[in-house]
C-alpha atoms as a PDB file:
ATOM      1  CA  MET A   1      11.624  13.214   0.340  1.00  0.00           C
ATOM      2  CA  PRO A   2      11.692   9.760  -1.231  1.00  0.00           C
ATOM      3  CA  THR A   3       9.367   8.980  -3.985  1.00  0.00           C
ATOM      4  CA  ASN A   4       7.688   5.879  -5.211  1.00  0.00           C
ATOM      5  CA  MET A   5       5.736   5.191  -8.254  1.00  0.00           C
ATOM      6  CA  GLU A   6       2.685   3.188  -7.320  1.00  0.00           C
ATOM      7  CA  VAL A   7      -0.208   1.348  -8.637  1.00  0.00           C
ATOM      8  CA  LYS A   8      -3.037  -0.938  -7.122  1.00  0.00           C
ATOM      9  CA  ALA A   9      -5.177  -3.497  -8.681  1.00  0.00           C
ATOM     10  CA  ILE A  10      -7.900  -5.681  -7.447  1.00  0.00           C
ATOM     11  CA  LEU A  11      -7.364  -9.305  -7.968  1.00  0.00           C
ATOM     12  CA  SER A  12      -9.741 -11.990  -9.269  1.00  0.00           C
ATOM     13  CA  ASP A  13      -7.027 -14.552  -9.745  1.00  0.00           C
ATOM     14  CA  THR A  14      -4.557 -14.349  -6.726  1.00  0.00           C
ATOM     15  CA  LEU A  15      -2.872 -17.787  -7.388  1.00  0.00           C
ATOM     16  CA  THR A  16      -1.810 -16.962 -10.874  1.00  0.00           C
ATOM     17  CA  VAL A  17      -0.526 -13.542  -9.896  1.00  0.00           C
ATOM     18  CA  GLU A  18       1.395 -15.173  -6.868  1.00  0.00           C
ATOM     19  CA  ALA A  19       2.918 -17.643  -9.257  1.00  0.00           C
ATOM     20  CA  THR A  20       4.111 -14.805 -11.644  1.00  0.00           C
ATOM     21  CA  ALA A  21       5.579 -12.990  -8.546  1.00  0.00           C
ATOM     22  CA  ILE A  22       7.353 -16.102  -7.586  1.00  0.00           C
ATOM     23  CA  ARG A  23       8.842 -16.689 -10.992  1.00  0.00           C
ATOM     24  CA  LEU A  24       9.803 -13.032 -11.590  1.00  0.00           C
ATOM     25  CA  SER A  25      11.307 -12.649  -7.947  1.00  0.00           C
ATOM     26  CA  GLY A  26      13.117 -15.972  -7.970  1.00  0.00           C
ATOM     27  CA  GLY A  27      11.723 -16.954  -4.434  1.00  0.00           C
ATOM     28  CA  ASP A  28       8.981 -17.125  -1.847  1.00  0.00           C
ATOM     29  CA  PRO A  29       7.495 -13.990  -0.331  1.00  0.00           C
ATOM     30  CA  GLU A  30       8.240 -12.562   3.036  1.00  0.00           C
ATOM     31  CA  VAL A  31       4.809 -12.664   4.708  1.00  0.00           C
ATOM     32  CA  ILE A  32       3.880  -9.703   7.107  1.00  0.00           C
ATOM     33  CA  GLN A  33       0.957  -9.072   9.316  1.00  0.00           C
ATOM     34  CA  GLN A  34       0.173  -5.235   9.180  1.00  0.00           C
ATOM     35  CA  VAL A  35      -2.443  -3.024  11.061  1.00  0.00           C
ATOM     36  CA  ASP A  36      -2.483   0.518   9.616  1.00  0.00           C
ATOM     37  CA  ILE A  37      -4.107   3.214  11.841  1.00  0.00           C
ATOM     38  CA  PHE A  38      -5.003   6.456   9.941  1.00  0.00           C
ATOM     39  CA  PHE A  39      -5.046   9.695  11.672  1.00  0.00           C
ATOM     40  CA  ARG A  40      -6.737  13.028  10.705  1.00  0.00           C
ATOM     41  CA  SER A  41      -4.256  15.076   8.691  1.00  0.00           C
ATOM     42  CA  GLY A  42      -4.883  17.976   6.431  1.00  0.00           C
ATOM     43  CA  LEU A  43      -2.489  17.896   3.633  1.00  0.00           C
ATOM     44  CA  ALA A  44      -1.187  14.363   3.472  1.00  0.00           C
ATOM     45  CA  ARG A  45      -2.230  10.886   4.750  1.00  0.00           C
ATOM     46  CA  LEU A  46      -0.745   9.951   8.135  1.00  0.00           C
ATOM     47  CA  LYS A  47      -0.655   6.357   9.190  1.00  0.00           C
ATOM     48  CA  LEU A  48       0.846   4.353  11.901  1.00  0.00           C
ATOM     49  CA  ARG A  49       1.908   0.844  10.681  1.00  0.00           C
ATOM     50  CA  ILE A  50       2.142  -1.597  13.382  1.00  0.00           C
ATOM     51  CA  PHE A  51       4.059  -4.923  12.943  1.00  0.00           C
ATOM     52  CA  GLY A  52       4.125  -5.993  16.424  1.00  0.00           C
ATOM     53  CA  PRO A  53       4.140  -4.854  20.016  1.00  0.00           C
ATOM     54  CA  THR A  54       7.819  -3.407  19.646  1.00  0.00           C
ATOM     55  CA  LEU A  55       7.944  -2.445  16.062  1.00  0.00           C
ATOM     56  CA  GLY A  56       6.145   0.298  13.973  1.00  0.00           C
ATOM     57  CA  GLU A  57       6.404   2.990  11.503  1.00  0.00           C
ATOM     58  CA  LEU A  58       4.827   6.286  11.291  1.00  0.00           C
ATOM     59  CA  ILE A  59       4.245   7.115   7.660  1.00  0.00           C
ATOM     60  CA  ARG A  60       3.319  10.458   5.965  1.00  0.00           C
ATOM     61  CA  TYR A  61       2.574  10.379   2.297  1.00  0.00           C
ATOM     62  CA  GLN A  62       1.038  12.193  -0.516  1.00  0.00           C
ATOM     63  CA  ARG A  63      -0.378  10.717  -3.562  1.00  0.00           C
ATOM     64  CA  ALA A  64      -3.137  11.534  -6.127  1.00  0.00           C
ATOM     65  CA  ASP A  65      -6.163   9.300  -6.110  1.00  0.00           C
ATOM     66  CA  ARG A  66      -6.322   7.989  -9.563  1.00  0.00           C
ATOM     67  CA  PRO A  67      -6.117   4.523 -10.782  1.00  0.00           C
ATOM     68  CA  ASP A  68      -2.975   4.600 -13.079  1.00  0.00           C
ATOM     69  CA  ALA A  69       0.624   4.785 -11.847  1.00  0.00           C
ATOM     70  CA  ARG A  70       1.307   7.856  -9.694  1.00  0.00           C
ATOM     71  CA  ALA A  71       3.901   9.228  -7.557  1.00  0.00           C
ATOM     72  CA  SER A  72       3.958   8.915  -3.840  1.00  0.00           C
ATOM     73  CA  HIS A  73       6.059  11.277  -1.733  1.00  0.00           C
ATOM     74  CA  TYR A  74       6.641   9.952   1.708  1.00  0.00           C
ATOM     75  CA  SER A  75       8.490  10.097   5.013  1.00  0.00           C
ATOM     76  CA  ILE A  76       8.843   7.314   7.540  1.00  0.00           C
ATOM     77  CA  ALA A  77      10.025   7.320  11.145  1.00  0.00           C
ATOM     78  CA  ARG A  78      10.338   3.976  12.865  1.00  0.00           C
ATOM     79  CA  THR A  79       9.432   3.359  16.588  1.00  0.00           C
ATOM     80  CA  SER A  80       9.907   0.618  19.050  1.00  0.00           C
ATOM     81  CA  ASP A  81       6.868   1.793  20.991  1.00  0.00           C
ATOM     82  CA  PRO A  82       3.999   1.815  18.425  1.00  0.00           C
ATOM     83  CA  HIS A  83       1.140   1.380  20.848  1.00  0.00           C
ATOM     84  CA  VAL A  84       2.029   4.545  22.904  1.00  0.00           C
ATOM     85  CA  LEU A  85       2.637   6.434  19.762  1.00  0.00           C
ATOM     86  CA  CYS A  86      -0.786   5.400  18.554  1.00  0.00           C
ATOM     87  CA  ASP A  87      -2.414   6.632  21.869  1.00  0.00           C
ATOM     88  CA  ILE A  88      -0.515  10.022  21.688  1.00  0.00           C
ATOM     89  CA  LEU A  89      -1.606  10.431  17.896  1.00  0.00           C
ATOM     90  CA  SER A  90      -5.177   9.105  18.482  1.00  0.00           C
ATOM     91  CA  GLU A  91      -5.776  11.587  21.389  1.00  0.00           C
ATOM     92  CA  THR A  92      -4.174  14.680  19.662  1.00  0.00           C
ATOM     93  CA  LEU A  93      -5.391  14.194  15.981  1.00  0.00           C
ATOM     94  CA  GLY A  94      -8.160  11.642  16.175  1.00  0.00           C
ATOM     95  CA  THR A  95      -8.362   8.566  13.935  1.00  0.00           C
ATOM     96  CA  VAL A  96     -10.041   7.961  10.394  1.00  0.00           C
ATOM     97  CA  GLY A  97      -9.932   4.136  10.700  1.00  0.00           C
ATOM     98  CA  THR A  98      -7.800   0.989  10.540  1.00  0.00           C
ATOM     99  CA  VAL A  99      -6.686  -1.309   7.716  1.00  0.00           C
ATOM    100  CA  LYS A 100      -5.789  -4.845   8.675  1.00  0.00           C
ATOM    101  CA  LYS A 101      -3.852  -6.827   6.004  1.00  0.00           C
ATOM    102  CA  THR A 102      -1.835  -9.831   5.386  1.00  0.00           C
ATOM    103  CA  ARG A 103       0.843  -8.832   2.860  1.00  0.00           C
ATOM    104  CA  ARG A 104       3.083 -11.137   0.970  1.00  0.00           C
ATOM    105  CA  LEU A 105       6.131  -9.147  -0.284  1.00  0.00           C
ATOM    106  CA  PHE A 106       8.151  -9.822  -3.334  1.00  0.00           C
ATOM    107  CA  LEU A 107      11.174  -7.879  -4.708  1.00  0.00           C
ATOM    108  CA  ILE A 108      11.623  -7.791  -8.311  1.00  0.00           C
ATOM    109  CA  GLY A 109      14.436  -5.341  -9.166  1.00  0.00           C
ATOM    110  CA  GLN A 110      13.888  -2.094  -7.558  1.00  0.00           C
ATOM    111  CA  THR A 111       9.887  -2.879  -7.337  1.00  0.00           C
ATOM    112  CA  ARG A 112       8.258  -3.900  -4.078  1.00  0.00           C
ATOM    113  CA  VAL A 113       5.355  -6.186  -5.223  1.00  0.00           C
ATOM    114  CA  HIS A 114       2.741  -6.641  -2.757  1.00  0.00           C
ATOM    115  CA  LEU A 115      -0.066  -9.319  -2.667  1.00  0.00           C
ATOM    116  CA  ASP A 116      -2.286  -7.973  -0.010  1.00  0.00           C
ATOM    117  CA  HIS A 117      -5.317  -9.613   1.667  1.00  0.00           C
ATOM    118  CA  VAL A 118      -7.201  -6.730   3.145  1.00  0.00           C
ATOM    119  CA  GLU A 119      -9.691  -7.573   5.751  1.00  0.00           C
ATOM    120  CA  GLY A 120     -13.237  -6.583   4.668  1.00  0.00           C
ATOM    121  CA  LEU A 121     -12.064  -5.761   0.990  1.00  0.00           C
ATOM    122  CA  GLY A 122     -10.205  -8.875  -0.498  1.00  0.00           C
ATOM    123  CA  ASP A 123      -7.049  -9.215  -2.544  1.00  0.00           C
ATOM    124  CA  PHE A 124      -5.061  -6.803  -4.321  1.00  0.00           C
ATOM    125  CA  LEU A 125      -1.615  -6.349  -6.099  1.00  0.00           C
ATOM    126  CA  GLU A 126       0.391  -3.190  -5.379  1.00  0.00           C
ATOM    127  CA  LEU A 127       3.387  -2.298  -7.107  1.00  0.00           C
ATOM    128  CA  GLU A 128       5.792   0.370  -5.616  1.00  0.00           C
ATOM    129  CA  VAL A 129       8.829   1.295  -7.762  1.00  0.00           C
ATOM    130  CA  VAL A 130      11.273   2.743  -5.390  1.00  0.00           C
ATOM    131  CA  LEU A 131      12.816   5.590  -7.560  1.00  0.00           C
ATOM    132  CA  ARG A 132      16.542   6.315  -7.211  1.00  0.00           C
ATOM    133  CA  PRO A 133      17.398   9.966  -7.001  1.00  0.00           C
ATOM    134  CA  GLU A 134      18.562  10.082 -10.642  1.00  0.00           C
ATOM    135  CA  GLN A 135      15.410   8.427 -11.928  1.00  0.00           C
ATOM    136  CA  SER A 136      12.388   9.968 -13.523  1.00  0.00           C
ATOM    137  CA  GLU A 137       8.799   9.336 -12.892  1.00  0.00           C
ATOM    138  CA  VAL A 138       8.725   8.204 -16.626  1.00  0.00           C
ATOM    139  CA  GLU A 139      11.161   5.486 -15.724  1.00  0.00           C
ATOM    140  CA  GLY A 140       8.878   4.363 -12.987  1.00  0.00           C
ATOM    141  CA  HIS A 141       5.769   4.417 -15.383  1.00  0.00           C
ATOM    142  CA  ARG A 142       7.828   2.264 -17.709  1.00  0.00           C
ATOM    143  CA  ILE A 143       8.664  -0.327 -15.040  1.00  0.00           C
ATOM    144  CA  ILE A 144       5.132  -0.339 -13.752  1.00  0.00           C
ATOM    145  CA  SER A 145       3.652  -0.820 -17.295  1.00  0.00           C
ATOM    146  CA  GLY A 146       5.823  -3.802 -18.079  1.00  0.00           C
ATOM    147  CA  LEU A 147       5.069  -5.514 -14.561  1.00  0.00           C
ATOM    148  CA  LEU A 148       1.382  -4.967 -15.135  1.00  0.00           C
ATOM    149  CA  SER A 149       1.685  -6.615 -18.457  1.00  0.00           C
ATOM    150  CA  ASP A 150       3.707  -9.638 -16.833  1.00  0.00           C
ATOM    151  CA  PHE A 151       0.892  -9.998 -14.140  1.00  0.00           C
ATOM    152  CA  GLY A 152      -1.911  -9.803 -16.848  1.00  0.00           C
ATOM    153  CA  ILE A 153      -3.501  -6.929 -14.998  1.00  0.00           C
ATOM    154  CA  HIS A 154      -6.110  -5.070 -17.167  1.00  0.00           C
ATOM    155  CA  PRO A 155      -6.984  -1.267 -16.805  1.00  0.00           C
ATOM    156  CA  ALA A 156     -10.459  -2.081 -15.396  1.00  0.00           C
ATOM    157  CA  GLN A 157      -8.860  -3.826 -12.428  1.00  0.00           C
ATOM    158  CA  LEU A 158      -6.834  -0.610 -11.203  1.00  0.00           C
ATOM    159  CA  VAL A 159      -7.747   1.207  -8.072  1.00  0.00           C
ATOM    160  CA  ALA A 160      -7.540   4.862  -7.414  1.00  0.00           C
ATOM    161  CA  GLU A 161      -8.302   4.876  -3.775  1.00  0.00           C
ATOM    162  CA  ALA A 162      -6.337   3.964  -0.632  1.00  0.00           C
ATOM    163  CA  TYR A 163      -7.568   0.868   1.242  1.00  0.00           C
ATOM    164  CA  ILE A 164      -8.611   3.215   4.151  1.00  0.00           C
ATOM    165  CA  ASP A 165     -10.914   5.152   1.660  1.00  0.00           C
ATOM    166  CA  LEU A 166     -12.421   1.843   0.301  1.00  0.00           C
ATOM    167  CA  LEU A 167     -13.080   0.779   3.623  1.00  0.00           C
ATOM    168  CA  CYS A 168     -14.630   4.018   4.807  1.00  0.00           C
ATOM    169  CA  SER A 169     -16.735   4.136   1.670  1.00  0.00           C
ATOM    170  CA  LYS A 170     -17.955   0.637   2.151  1.00  0.00           C
ATOM    171  CA  THR A 171     -18.984   1.483   5.848  1.00  0.00           C
ATOM    172  CA  SER A 172     -20.653   4.521   4.787  1.00  0.00           C
ATOM    173  CA  LEU A 173     -22.726   2.655   2.249  1.00  0.00           C
ATOM    174  CA  ARG A 174     -23.619   0.069   4.758  1.00  0.00           C
ATOM    175  CA  LEU A 175     -24.812   2.785   7.035  1.00  0.00           C
ATOM    176  CA  LEU A 176     -27.033   4.227   4.265  1.00  0.00           C
ATOM    177  CA  LEU A 177     -28.743   0.864   3.487  1.00  0.00           C
END
């Protein structure tokens, strides 16, 4: 199963972070509209990422909810019929919620740099170091640490939860008020 080292941070100065990403990557980002539908799943998170009517990815992943860099073990299956797959999974498993985001993707070496604008939450930086089979998690931590420094991200900006968890807790809080 492939492994990434990941970290997420909330952004207060998106323009400065984007300028750094352009400088470090040597170019402009790929802009991607994504809708992630999360399904009830016992041992791991399961989401269907829809890019358009004929393109989607079913992603199963396991990752600790903590704010520092952490390993994410994942599997991806691509589909040309995401809406039918969504209907099947929704009817079979039930849904947890939906995350809608605009992602600006930069590549810096083996790191996928995501500048995400998440509907209902705001702007975030995500770093995903795609580990090669011979690389250790320690190497991934080293790469992330260097990039966090390059982007001027402070420990207080780091976020432990997935976007879906942040949205669900925000919805729960609103319901209580």
